[in-house]
């Protein structure tokens, strides 16, 4: 039987799989979308565990100011920046440039139209 943490991680991975190429989001935005407003750190733990999963684009999840805070979980650490740049995202000094332009907000992008 899966624990609540494992179920939450699965939900995080489902959201991360929906982030389009060339876009990025934050740990907090994912947590907020999943109804866990103070769960950014838990989303970070999920991302740390996802780096071996080929179908979860963990490189597209950064902190709220666009910093590549999870880069040390990539091997080598430069790989996170390389993957973002391959998708057309500019990174300088471990920070996404013009983060507001590439920011993907799941609350907006995945909103149900009723």
PDB file of N, CA and C in Angstrom:
ATOM      1  N   UNK A   1       0.836  -1.185   0.000  1.00  0.00           N
ATOM      2  CA  UNK A   1       0.000   0.000   0.000  1.00  0.00           C
ATOM      3  C   UNK A   1       0.886   1.257   0.000  1.00  0.00           C
ATOM      4  N   UNK A   2       0.532   2.233  -0.817  1.00  0.00           N
ATOM      5  CA  UNK A   2       1.313   3.456  -0.900  1.00  0.00           C
ATOM      6  C   UNK A   2       0.994   4.376   0.274  1.00  0.00           C
ATOM      7  N   UNK A   3       2.014   5.082   0.722  1.00  0.00           N
ATOM      8  CA  UNK A   3       1.806   6.075   1.779  1.00  0.00           C
ATOM      9  C   UNK A   3       1.274   7.356   1.158  1.00  0.00           C
ATOM     10  N   UNK A   4       0.777   8.274   2.002  1.00  0.00           N
ATOM     11  CA  UNK A   4       0.293   9.555   1.508  1.00  0.00           C
ATOM     12  C   UNK A   4       1.396  10.315   0.779  1.00  0.00           C
ATOM     13  N   UNK A   5       2.636  10.215   1.299  1.00  0.00           N
ATOM     14  CA  UNK A   5       3.766  10.890   0.656  1.00  0.00           C
ATOM     15  C   UNK A   5       3.965  10.356  -0.754  1.00  0.00           C
ATOM     16  N   UNK A   6       3.914   9.041  -0.917  1.00  0.00           N
ATOM     17  CA  UNK A   6       4.087   8.459  -2.256  1.00  0.00           C
ATOM     18  C   UNK A   6       2.962   8.900  -3.190  1.00  0.00           C
ATOM     19  N   UNK A   7       1.745   8.970  -2.681  1.00  0.00           N
ATOM     20  CA  UNK A   7       0.628   9.417  -3.506  1.00  0.00           C
ATOM     21  C   UNK A   7       0.808  10.878  -3.912  1.00  0.00           C
ATOM     22  N   UNK A   8       1.276  11.721  -2.986  1.00  0.00           N
ATOM     23  CA  UNK A   8       1.523  13.123  -3.302  1.00  0.00           C
ATOM     24  C   UNK A   8       2.624  13.236  -4.350  1.00  0.00           C
ATOM     25  N   UNK A   9       3.691  12.462  -4.194  1.00  0.00           N
ATOM     26  CA  UNK A   9       4.765  12.465  -5.189  1.00  0.00           C
ATOM     27  C   UNK A   9       4.211  12.107  -6.564  1.00  0.00           C
ATOM     28  N   UNK A  10       3.349  11.107  -6.637  1.00  0.00           N
ATOM     29  CA  UNK A  10       2.756  10.717  -7.923  1.00  0.00           C
ATOM     30  C   UNK A  10       1.971  11.868  -8.540  1.00  0.00           C
ATOM     31  N   UNK A  11       1.234  12.613  -7.713  1.00  0.00           N
ATOM     32  CA  UNK A  11       0.482  13.766  -8.209  1.00  0.00           C
ATOM     33  C   UNK A  11       1.437  14.839  -8.727  1.00  0.00           C
ATOM     34  N   UNK A  12       2.516  15.069  -8.007  1.00  0.00           N
ATOM     35  CA  UNK A  12       3.533  16.037  -8.449  1.00  0.00           C
ATOM     36  C   UNK A  12       4.066  15.620  -9.818  1.00  0.00           C
ATOM     37  N   UNK A  13       4.402  14.351  -9.969  1.00  0.00           N
ATOM     38  CA  UNK A  13       4.957  13.878 -11.243  1.00  0.00           C
ATOM     39  C   UNK A  13       3.953  14.039 -12.379  1.00  0.00           C
ATOM     40  N   UNK A  14       2.673  13.832 -12.097  1.00  0.00           N
ATOM     41  CA  UNK A  14       1.648  14.012 -13.131  1.00  0.00           C
ATOM     42  C   UNK A  14       1.629  15.462 -13.616  1.00  0.00           C
ATOM     43  N   UNK A  15       1.730  16.408 -12.689  1.00  0.00           N
ATOM     44  CA  UNK A  15       1.744  17.826 -13.059  1.00  0.00           C
ATOM     45  C   UNK A  15       3.021  18.152 -13.831  1.00  0.00           C
ATOM     46  N   UNK A  16       4.163  17.709 -13.351  1.00  0.00           N
ATOM     47  CA  UNK A  16       5.443  18.028 -13.994  1.00  0.00           C
ATOM     48  C   UNK A  16       5.484  17.491 -15.424  1.00  0.00           C
ATOM     49  N   UNK A  17       4.884  16.350 -15.659  1.00  0.00           N
ATOM     50  CA  UNK A  17       4.852  15.786 -17.022  1.00  0.00           C
ATOM     51  C   UNK A  17       4.082  16.678 -17.993  1.00  0.00           C
ATOM     52  N   UNK A  18       3.237  17.567 -17.474  1.00  0.00           N
ATOM     53  CA  UNK A  18       2.419  18.443 -18.320  1.00  0.00           C
ATOM     54  C   UNK A  18       3.107  19.766 -18.661  1.00  0.00           C
ATOM     55  N   UNK A  19       4.234  20.059 -18.022  1.00  0.00           N
ATOM     56  CA  UNK A  19       4.944  21.309 -18.310  1.00  0.00           C
ATOM     57  C   UNK A  19       5.503  21.229 -19.731  1.00  0.00           C
ATOM     58  N   UNK A  20       5.112  22.159 -20.590  1.00  0.00           N
ATOM     59  CA  UNK A  20       5.584  22.102 -21.983  1.00  0.00           C
ATOM     60  C   UNK A  20       7.085  22.401 -22.106  1.00  0.00           C
ATOM     61  N   UNK A  21       7.690  21.886 -23.167  1.00  0.00           N
ATOM     62  CA  UNK A  21       9.080  22.219 -23.488  1.00  0.00           C
ATOM     63  C   UNK A  21       9.202  23.731 -23.579  1.00  0.00           C
ATOM     64  N   UNK A  22      10.317  24.266 -23.083  1.00  0.00           N
ATOM     65  CA  UNK A  22      10.552  25.697 -23.165  1.00  0.00           C
ATOM     66  C   UNK A  22       9.845  26.503 -22.087  1.00  0.00           C
ATOM     67  N   UNK A  23       9.236  25.828 -21.145  1.00  0.00           N
ATOM     68  CA  UNK A  23       8.558  26.499 -20.028  1.00  0.00           C
ATOM     69  C   UNK A  23       9.094  25.919 -18.724  1.00  0.00           C
ATOM     70  N   UNK A  24       8.886  26.633 -17.630  1.00  0.00           N
ATOM     71  CA  UNK A  24       9.337  26.175 -16.313  1.00  0.00           C
ATOM     72  C   UNK A  24       8.337  26.648 -15.266  1.00  0.00           C
ATOM     73  N   UNK A  25       8.327  25.967 -14.149  1.00  0.00           N
ATOM     74  CA  UNK A  25       7.445  26.349 -13.050  1.00  0.00           C
ATOM     75  C   UNK A  25       8.214  26.248 -11.745  1.00  0.00           C
ATOM     76  N   UNK A  26       7.535  26.570 -10.655  1.00  0.00           N
ATOM     77  CA  UNK A  26       8.186  26.539  -9.350  1.00  0.00           C
ATOM     78  C   UNK A  26       7.606  25.443  -8.470  1.00  0.00           C
ATOM     79  N   UNK A  27       8.384  25.089  -7.467  1.00  0.00           N
ATOM     80  CA  UNK A  27       7.923  24.100  -6.492  1.00  0.00           C
ATOM     81  C   UNK A  27       6.616  24.572  -5.856  1.00  0.00           C
ATOM     82  N   UNK A  28       6.578  25.847  -5.488  1.00  0.00           N
ATOM     83  CA  UNK A  28       5.408  26.408  -4.828  1.00  0.00           C
ATOM     84  C   UNK A  28       4.177  26.423  -5.700  1.00  0.00           C
ATOM     85  N   UNK A  29       4.343  26.700  -6.992  1.00  0.00           N
ATOM     86  CA  UNK A  29       3.194  26.721  -7.908  1.00  0.00           C
ATOM     87  C   UNK A  29       2.569  25.329  -8.007  1.00  0.00           C
ATOM     88  N   UNK A  30       3.407  24.308  -8.043  1.00  0.00           N
ATOM     89  CA  UNK A  30       2.889  22.936  -8.092  1.00  0.00           C
ATOM     90  C   UNK A  30       2.183  22.603  -6.785  1.00  0.00           C
ATOM     91  N   UNK A  31       2.804  22.949  -5.660  1.00  0.00           N
ATOM     92  CA  UNK A  31       2.189  22.679  -4.350  1.00  0.00           C
ATOM     93  C   UNK A  31       0.836  23.379  -4.237  1.00  0.00           C
ATOM     94  N   UNK A  32       0.797  24.633  -4.646  1.00  0.00           N
ATOM     95  CA  UNK A  32      -0.445  25.397  -4.597  1.00  0.00           C
ATOM     96  C   UNK A  32      -1.526  24.738  -5.451  1.00  0.00           C
ATOM     97  N   UNK A  33      -1.166  24.327  -6.654  1.00  0.00           N
ATOM     98  CA  UNK A  33      -2.119  23.664  -7.545  1.00  0.00           C
ATOM     99  C   UNK A  33      -2.681  22.391  -6.918  1.00  0.00           C
ATOM    100  N   UNK A  34      -1.836  21.681  -6.191  1.00  0.00           N
ATOM    101  CA  UNK A  34      -2.258  20.426  -5.572  1.00  0.00           C
ATOM    102  C   UNK A  34      -2.934  20.633  -4.216  1.00  0.00           C
ATOM    103  N   UNK A  35      -3.161  21.901  -3.847  1.00  0.00           N
ATOM    104  CA  UNK A  35      -3.874  22.190  -2.611  1.00  0.00           C
ATOM    105  C   UNK A  35      -3.013  22.132  -1.371  1.00  0.00           C
ATOM    106  N   UNK A  36      -1.710  22.192  -1.547  1.00  0.00           N
ATOM    107  CA  UNK A  36      -0.773  22.149  -0.420  1.00  0.00           C
ATOM    108  C   UNK A  36       0.063  23.422  -0.447  1.00  0.00           C
ATOM    109  N   UNK A  37      -0.559  24.560  -0.165  1.00  0.00           N
ATOM    110  CA  UNK A  37       0.102  25.864  -0.310  1.00  0.00           C
ATOM    111  C   UNK A  37       1.465  25.941   0.362  1.00  0.00           C
ATOM    112  N   UNK A  38       1.643  25.274   1.481  1.00  0.00           N
ATOM    113  CA  UNK A  38       2.944  25.311   2.157  1.00  0.00           C
ATOM    114  C   UNK A  38       3.765  24.058   1.863  1.00  0.00           C
ATOM    115  N   UNK A  39       3.471  23.407   0.756  1.00  0.00           N
ATOM    116  CA  UNK A  39       4.142  22.158   0.425  1.00  0.00           C
ATOM    117  C   UNK A  39       5.257  22.247  -0.587  1.00  0.00           C
ATOM    118  N   UNK A  40       5.814  23.442  -0.804  1.00  0.00           N
ATOM    119  CA  UNK A  40       6.883  23.597  -1.799  1.00  0.00           C
ATOM    120  C   UNK A  40       8.065  22.687  -1.492  1.00  0.00           C
ATOM    121  N   UNK A  41       8.406  22.576  -0.229  1.00  0.00           N
ATOM    122  CA  UNK A  41       9.537  21.739   0.149  1.00  0.00           C
ATOM    123  C   UNK A  41       9.261  20.268  -0.193  1.00  0.00           C
ATOM    124  N   UNK A  42       8.032  19.824   0.023  1.00  0.00           N
ATOM    125  CA  UNK A  42       7.681  18.439  -0.294  1.00  0.00           C
ATOM    126  C   UNK A  42       7.744  18.204  -1.802  1.00  0.00           C
ATOM    127  N   UNK A  43       7.340  19.206  -2.590  1.00  0.00           N
ATOM    128  CA  UNK A  43       7.480  19.104  -4.045  1.00  0.00           C
ATOM    129  C   UNK A  43       8.959  18.988  -4.387  1.00  0.00           C
ATOM    130  N   UNK A  44       9.809  19.723  -3.688  1.00  0.00           N
ATOM    131  CA  UNK A  44      11.256  19.623  -3.889  1.00  0.00           C
ATOM    132  C   UNK A  44      11.766  18.221  -3.601  1.00  0.00           C
ATOM    133  N   UNK A  45      11.262  17.611  -2.537  1.00  0.00           N
ATOM    134  CA  UNK A  45      11.657  16.232  -2.224  1.00  0.00           C
ATOM    135  C   UNK A  45      11.223  15.290  -3.348  1.00  0.00           C
ATOM    136  N   UNK A  46      10.039  15.522  -3.886  1.00  0.00           N
ATOM    137  CA  UNK A  46       9.555  14.690  -4.995  1.00  0.00           C
ATOM    138  C   UNK A  46      10.471  14.850  -6.206  1.00  0.00           C
ATOM    139  N   UNK A  47      10.892  16.091  -6.484  1.00  0.00           N
ATOM    140  CA  UNK A  47      11.779  16.332  -7.615  1.00  0.00           C
ATOM    141  C   UNK A  47      13.136  15.671  -7.387  1.00  0.00           C
ATOM    142  N   UNK A  48      13.627  15.705  -6.158  1.00  0.00           N
ATOM    143  CA  UNK A  48      14.900  15.051  -5.856  1.00  0.00           C
ATOM    144  C   UNK A  48      14.829  13.564  -6.153  1.00  0.00           C
ATOM    145  N   UNK A  49      13.678  12.967  -5.919  1.00  0.00           N
ATOM    146  CA  UNK A  49      13.504  11.537  -6.156  1.00  0.00           C
ATOM    147  C   UNK A  49      13.216  11.224  -7.622  1.00  0.00           C
ATOM    148  N   UNK A  50      12.960  12.247  -8.424  1.00  0.00           N
ATOM    149  CA  UNK A  50      12.532  12.029  -9.813  1.00  0.00           C
ATOM    150  C   UNK A  50      13.666  12.040 -10.825  1.00  0.00           C
ATOM    151  N   UNK A  51      14.870  12.361 -10.411  1.00  0.00           N
ATOM    152  CA  UNK A  51      15.952  12.542 -11.375  1.00  0.00           C
ATOM    153  C   UNK A  51      16.349  11.267 -12.100  1.00  0.00           C
ATOM    154  N   UNK A  52      15.918  10.139 -11.613  1.00  0.00           N
ATOM    155  CA  UNK A  52      16.196   8.885 -12.314  1.00  0.00           C
ATOM    156  C   UNK A  52      15.028   8.466 -13.195  1.00  0.00           C
ATOM    157  N   UNK A  53      13.954   9.252 -13.187  1.00  0.00           N
ATOM    158  CA  UNK A  53      12.766   8.937 -13.985  1.00  0.00           C
ATOM    159  C   UNK A  53      12.843   9.695 -15.310  1.00  0.00           C
ATOM    160  N   UNK A  54      12.995   8.976 -16.393  1.00  0.00           N
ATOM    161  CA  UNK A  54      13.156   9.619 -17.697  1.00  0.00           C
ATOM    162  C   UNK A  54      11.911  10.378 -18.149  1.00  0.00           C
ATOM    163  N   UNK A  55      10.734   9.998 -17.639  1.00  0.00           N
ATOM    164  CA  UNK A  55       9.498  10.620 -18.108  1.00  0.00           C
ATOM    165  C   UNK A  55       9.049  11.803 -17.247  1.00  0.00           C
ATOM    166  N   UNK A  56       9.867  12.235 -16.293  1.00  0.00           N
ATOM    167  CA  UNK A  56       9.544  13.387 -15.446  1.00  0.00           C
ATOM    168  C   UNK A  56      10.591  14.474 -15.710  1.00  0.00           C
ATOM    169  N   UNK A  57      10.204  15.553 -16.408  1.00  0.00           N
ATOM    170  CA  UNK A  57      11.172  16.610 -16.740  1.00  0.00           C
ATOM    171  C   UNK A  57      11.481  17.505 -15.543  1.00  0.00           C
ATOM    172  N   UNK A  58      12.194  16.958 -14.569  1.00  0.00           N
ATOM    173  CA  UNK A  58      12.500  17.660 -13.322  1.00  0.00           C
ATOM    174  C   UNK A  58      13.279  18.953 -13.554  1.00  0.00           C
ATOM    175  N   UNK A  59      13.989  19.050 -14.665  1.00  0.00           N
ATOM    176  CA  UNK A  59      14.768  20.259 -14.944  1.00  0.00           C
ATOM    177  C   UNK A  59      13.878  21.485 -15.134  1.00  0.00           C
ATOM    178  N   UNK A  60      12.593  21.291 -15.356  1.00  0.00           N
ATOM    179  CA  UNK A  60      11.666  22.407 -15.581  1.00  0.00           C
ATOM    180  C   UNK A  60      11.080  22.955 -14.286  1.00  0.00           C
ATOM    181  N   UNK A  61      11.519  22.450 -13.141  1.00  0.00           N
ATOM    182  CA  UNK A  61      10.996  22.909 -11.848  1.00  0.00           C
ATOM    183  C   UNK A  61      12.130  23.581 -11.068  1.00  0.00           C
ATOM    184  N   UNK A  62      11.903  24.844 -10.728  1.00  0.00           N
ATOM    185  CA  UNK A  62      12.916  25.670 -10.064  1.00  0.00           C
ATOM    186  C   UNK A  62      12.276  26.386  -8.867  1.00  0.00           C
ATOM    187  N   UNK A  63      13.049  27.203  -8.176  1.00  0.00           N
ATOM    188  CA  UNK A  63      12.439  27.921  -7.056  1.00  0.00           C
ATOM    189  C   UNK A  63      11.653  29.126  -7.568  1.00  0.00           C
ATOM    190  N   UNK A  64      10.994  29.830  -6.664  1.00  0.00           N
ATOM    191  CA  UNK A  64      10.048  30.881  -7.061  1.00  0.00           C
ATOM    192  C   UNK A  64      10.687  32.058  -7.788  1.00  0.00           C
ATOM    193  N   UNK A  65      12.004  32.215  -7.684  1.00  0.00           N
ATOM    194  CA  UNK A  65      12.658  33.300  -8.416  1.00  0.00           C
ATOM    195  C   UNK A  65      13.393  32.809  -9.662  1.00  0.00           C
ATOM    196  N   UNK A  66      13.224  31.530  -9.982  1.00  0.00           N
ATOM    197  CA  UNK A  66      13.853  30.990 -11.185  1.00  0.00           C
ATOM    198  C   UNK A  66      15.230  30.411 -10.973  1.00  0.00           C
ATOM    199  N   UNK A  67      15.657  30.292  -9.724  1.00  0.00           N
ATOM    200  CA  UNK A  67      16.982  29.723  -9.432  1.00  0.00           C
ATOM    201  C   UNK A  67      16.962  28.206  -9.594  1.00  0.00           C
ATOM    202  N   UNK A  68      18.048  27.675 -10.128  1.00  0.00           N
ATOM    203  CA  UNK A  68      18.184  26.227 -10.324  1.00  0.00           C
ATOM    204  C   UNK A  68      18.643  25.576  -9.016  1.00  0.00           C
ATOM    205  N   UNK A  69      17.809  25.652  -8.000  1.00  0.00           N
ATOM    206  CA  UNK A  69      18.186  25.167  -6.672  1.00  0.00           C
ATOM    207  C   UNK A  69      18.333  23.647  -6.625  1.00  0.00           C
ATOM    208  N   UNK A  70      17.732  22.939  -7.567  1.00  0.00           N
ATOM    209  CA  UNK A  70      17.827  21.480  -7.566  1.00  0.00           C
ATOM    210  C   UNK A  70      18.953  20.929  -8.416  1.00  0.00           C
ATOM    211  N   UNK A  71      19.805  21.802  -8.937  1.00  0.00           N
ATOM    212  CA  UNK A  71      20.826  21.351  -9.888  1.00  0.00           C
ATOM    213  C   UNK A  71      21.794  20.336  -9.305  1.00  0.00           C
ATOM    214  N   UNK A  72      22.032  20.388  -7.996  1.00  0.00           N
ATOM    215  CA  UNK A  72      22.993  19.455  -7.394  1.00  0.00           C
ATOM    216  C   UNK A  72      22.453  18.026  -7.348  1.00  0.00           C
ATOM    217  N   UNK A  73      21.184  17.835  -7.727  1.00  0.00           N
ATOM    218  CA  UNK A  73      20.629  16.486  -7.799  1.00  0.00           C
ATOM    219  C   UNK A  73      20.770  15.887  -9.204  1.00  0.00           C
ATOM    220  N   UNK A  74      21.301  16.680 -10.127  1.00  0.00           N
ATOM    221  CA  UNK A  74      21.559  16.187 -11.478  1.00  0.00           C
ATOM    222  C   UNK A  74      23.007  15.726 -11.547  1.00  0.00           C
ATOM    223  N   UNK A  75      23.262  14.827 -12.465  1.00  0.00           N
ATOM    224  CA  UNK A  75      24.624  14.325 -12.615  1.00  0.00           C
ATOM    225  C   UNK A  75      25.061  14.471 -14.068  1.00  0.00           C
ATOM    226  N   UNK A  76      25.993  15.367 -14.330  1.00  0.00           N
ATOM    227  CA  UNK A  76      26.618  16.343 -13.432  1.00  0.00           C
ATOM    228  C   UNK A  76      25.646  17.493 -13.165  1.00  0.00           C
ATOM    229  N   UNK A  77      25.913  18.344 -12.184  1.00  0.00           N
ATOM    230  CA  UNK A  77      25.003  19.442 -11.835  1.00  0.00           C
ATOM    231  C   UNK A  77      24.690  20.385 -13.004  1.00  0.00           C
ATOM    232  N   UNK A  78      25.610  20.514 -13.948  1.00  0.00           N
ATOM    233  CA  UNK A  78      25.394  21.392 -15.109  1.00  0.00           C
ATOM    234  C   UNK A  78      24.301  20.866 -16.038  1.00  0.00           C
ATOM    235  N   UNK A  79      23.928  19.633 -15.865  1.00  0.00           N
ATOM    236  CA  UNK A  79      22.943  19.006 -16.753  1.00  0.00           C
ATOM    237  C   UNK A  79      21.594  19.718 -16.708  1.00  0.00           C
ATOM    238  N   UNK A  80      21.181  20.219 -15.542  1.00  0.00           N
ATOM    239  CA  UNK A  80      19.898  20.920 -15.437  1.00  0.00           C
ATOM    240  C   UNK A  80      19.884  22.131 -16.364  1.00  0.00           C
ATOM    241  N   UNK A  81      20.932  22.951 -16.296  1.00  0.00           N
ATOM    242  CA  UNK A  81      21.019  24.128 -17.155  1.00  0.00           C
ATOM    243  C   UNK A  81      21.087  23.722 -18.621  1.00  0.00           C
ATOM    244  N   UNK A  82      21.858  22.705 -18.935  1.00  0.00           N
ATOM    245  CA  UNK A  82      21.978  22.250 -20.320  1.00  0.00           C
ATOM    246  C   UNK A  82      20.621  21.839 -20.880  1.00  0.00           C
ATOM    247  N   UNK A  83      19.825  21.126 -20.086  1.00  0.00           N
ATOM    248  CA  UNK A  83      18.511  20.683 -20.556  1.00  0.00           C
ATOM    249  C   UNK A  83      17.581  21.867 -20.780  1.00  0.00           C
ATOM    250  N   UNK A  84      17.619  22.843 -19.893  1.00  0.00           N
ATOM    251  CA  UNK A  84      16.783  24.042 -20.071  1.00  0.00           C
ATOM    252  C   UNK A  84      17.213  24.812 -21.313  1.00  0.00           C
ATOM    253  N   UNK A  85      18.513  24.989 -21.497  1.00  0.00           N
ATOM    254  CA  UNK A  85      19.009  25.729 -22.657  1.00  0.00           C
ATOM    255  C   UNK A  85      18.695  25.012 -23.963  1.00  0.00           C
ATOM    256  N   UNK A  86      18.692  23.693 -23.935  1.00  0.00           N
ATOM    257  CA  UNK A  86      18.344  22.910 -25.119  1.00  0.00           C
ATOM    258  C   UNK A  86      16.894  23.185 -25.545  1.00  0.00           C
ATOM    259  N   UNK A  87      16.071  23.609 -24.574  1.00  0.00           N
ATOM    260  CA  UNK A  87      14.665  23.932 -24.846  1.00  0.00           C
ATOM    261  C   UNK A  87      14.456  25.426 -25.109  1.00  0.00           C
ATOM    262  N   UNK A  88      15.559  26.179 -25.188  1.00  0.00           N
ATOM    263  CA  UNK A  88      15.465  27.593 -25.516  1.00  0.00           C
ATOM    264  C   UNK A  88      15.343  28.525 -24.325  1.00  0.00           C
ATOM    265  N   UNK A  89      15.533  28.021 -23.114  1.00  0.00           N
ATOM    266  CA  UNK A  89      15.457  28.845 -21.910  1.00  0.00           C
ATOM    267  C   UNK A  89      16.855  29.355 -21.574  1.00  0.00           C
ATOM    268  N   UNK A  90      16.981  30.682 -21.425  1.00  0.00           N
ATOM    269  CA  UNK A  90      18.270  31.285 -21.093  1.00  0.00           C
ATOM    270  C   UNK A  90      18.506  31.203 -19.599  1.00  0.00           C
ATOM    271  N   UNK A  91      19.718  30.768 -19.238  1.00  0.00           N
ATOM    272  CA  UNK A  91      20.106  30.652 -17.835  1.00  0.00           C
ATOM    273  C   UNK A  91      21.442  31.357 -17.644  1.00  0.00           C
ATOM    274  N   UNK A  92      21.505  32.221 -16.638  1.00  0.00           N
ATOM    275  CA  UNK A  92      22.760  32.889 -16.272  1.00  0.00           C
ATOM    276  C   UNK A  92      22.921  32.831 -14.763  1.00  0.00           C
ATOM    277  N   UNK A  93      24.106  32.477 -14.325  1.00  0.00           N
ATOM    278  CA  UNK A  93      24.406  32.398 -12.889  1.00  0.00           C
ATOM    279  C   UNK A  93      23.379  31.544 -12.138  1.00  0.00           C
ATOM    280  N   UNK A  94      23.046  30.396 -12.732  1.00  0.00           N
ATOM    281  CA  UNK A  94      22.108  29.439 -12.132  1.00  0.00           C
ATOM    282  C   UNK A  94      20.699  29.993 -11.966  1.00  0.00           C
ATOM    283  N   UNK A  95      20.316  30.959 -12.790  1.00  0.00           N
ATOM    284  CA  UNK A  95      18.975  31.539 -12.709  1.00  0.00           C
ATOM    285  C   UNK A  95      18.391  31.694 -14.110  1.00  0.00           C
ATOM    286  N   UNK A  96      17.108  31.324 -14.253  1.00  0.00           N
ATOM    287  CA  UNK A  96      16.417  31.488 -15.528  1.00  0.00           C
ATOM    288  C   UNK A  96      16.203  32.976 -15.778  1.00  0.00           C
ATOM    289  N   UNK A  97      16.638  33.441 -16.924  1.00  0.00           N
ATOM    290  CA  UNK A  97      16.456  34.833 -17.306  1.00  0.00           C
ATOM    291  C   UNK A  97      15.008  35.033 -17.748  1.00  0.00           C
ATOM    292  N   UNK A  98      14.445  36.180 -17.412  1.00  0.00           N
ATOM    293  CA  UNK A  98      13.051  36.487 -17.749  1.00  0.00           C
ATOM    294  C   UNK A  98      12.119  35.356 -17.320  1.00  0.00           C
ATOM    295  N   UNK A  99      12.286  34.921 -16.081  1.00  0.00           N
ATOM    296  CA  UNK A  99      11.511  33.784 -15.572  1.00  0.00           C
ATOM    297  C   UNK A  99      10.008  33.999 -15.747  1.00  0.00           C
ATOM    298  N   UNK A 100       9.547  35.236 -15.573  1.00  0.00           N
ATOM    299  CA  UNK A 100       8.114  35.499 -15.709  1.00  0.00           C
ATOM    300  C   UNK A 100       7.597  35.202 -17.116  1.00  0.00           C
ATOM    301  N   UNK A 101       8.473  35.242 -18.120  1.00  0.00           N
ATOM    302  CA  UNK A 101       8.046  34.961 -19.499  1.00  0.00           C
ATOM    303  C   UNK A 101       7.941  33.462 -19.792  1.00  0.00           C
ATOM    304  N   UNK A 102       8.721  32.661 -19.113  1.00  0.00           N
ATOM    305  CA  UNK A 102       8.673  31.205 -19.343  1.00  0.00           C
ATOM    306  C   UNK A 102       7.882  30.483 -18.253  1.00  0.00           C
ATOM    307  N   UNK A 103       7.468  31.243 -17.221  1.00  0.00           N
ATOM    308  CA  UNK A 103       6.765  30.631 -16.091  1.00  0.00           C
ATOM    309  C   UNK A 103       5.449  29.996 -16.539  1.00  0.00           C
ATOM    310  N   UNK A 104       5.276  28.760 -16.140  1.00  0.00           N
ATOM    311  CA  UNK A 104       4.070  27.984 -16.439  1.00  0.00           C
ATOM    312  C   UNK A 104       3.337  27.775 -15.124  1.00  0.00           C
ATOM    313  N   UNK A 105       2.163  28.372 -14.994  1.00  0.00           N
ATOM    314  CA  UNK A 105       1.389  28.284 -13.758  1.00  0.00           C
ATOM    315  C   UNK A 105       0.305  27.232 -13.916  1.00  0.00           C
ATOM    316  N   UNK A 106       0.436  26.097 -13.219  1.00  0.00           N
ATOM    317  CA  UNK A 106      -0.572  25.052 -13.371  1.00  0.00           C
ATOM    318  C   UNK A 106      -1.967  25.513 -12.993  1.00  0.00           C
ATOM    319  N   UNK A 107      -2.096  26.481 -12.073  1.00  0.00           N
ATOM    320  CA  UNK A 107      -3.423  26.987 -11.720  1.00  0.00           C
ATOM    321  C   UNK A 107      -4.098  27.669 -12.897  1.00  0.00           C
ATOM    322  N   UNK A 108      -3.315  28.283 -13.762  1.00  0.00           N
ATOM    323  CA  UNK A 108      -3.866  28.926 -14.957  1.00  0.00           C
ATOM    324  C   UNK A 108      -3.968  27.947 -16.128  1.00  0.00           C
ATOM    325  N   UNK A 109      -2.895  27.220 -16.360  1.00  0.00           N
ATOM    326  CA  UNK A 109      -2.802  26.358 -17.536  1.00  0.00           C
ATOM    327  C   UNK A 109      -3.694  25.111 -17.453  1.00  0.00           C
ATOM    328  N   UNK A 110      -3.938  24.641 -16.244  1.00  0.00           N
ATOM    329  CA  UNK A 110      -4.716  23.426 -16.079  1.00  0.00           C
ATOM    330  C   UNK A 110      -6.096  23.694 -15.491  1.00  0.00           C
ATOM    331  N   UNK A 111      -6.514  24.933 -15.528  1.00  0.00           N
ATOM    332  CA  UNK A 111      -7.819  25.313 -14.970  1.00  0.00           C
ATOM    333  C   UNK A 111      -8.930  24.655 -15.779  1.00  0.00           C
ATOM    334  N   UNK A 112      -9.882  24.121 -15.066  1.00  0.00           N
ATOM    335  CA  UNK A 112     -11.036  23.507 -15.724  1.00  0.00           C
ATOM    336  C   UNK A 112     -12.005  24.596 -16.165  1.00  0.00           C
ATOM    337  N   UNK A 113     -12.408  24.532 -17.384  1.00  0.00           N
ATOM    338  CA  UNK A 113     -13.412  25.462 -17.894  1.00  0.00           C
ATOM    339  C   UNK A 113     -14.764  24.803 -17.693  1.00  0.00           C
ATOM    340  N   UNK A 114     -15.601  25.436 -16.898  1.00  0.00           N
ATOM    341  CA  UNK A 114     -16.929  24.879 -16.622  1.00  0.00           C
ATOM    342  C   UNK A 114     -18.004  25.608 -17.392  1.00  0.00           C
TER     343      UNK A 114
END
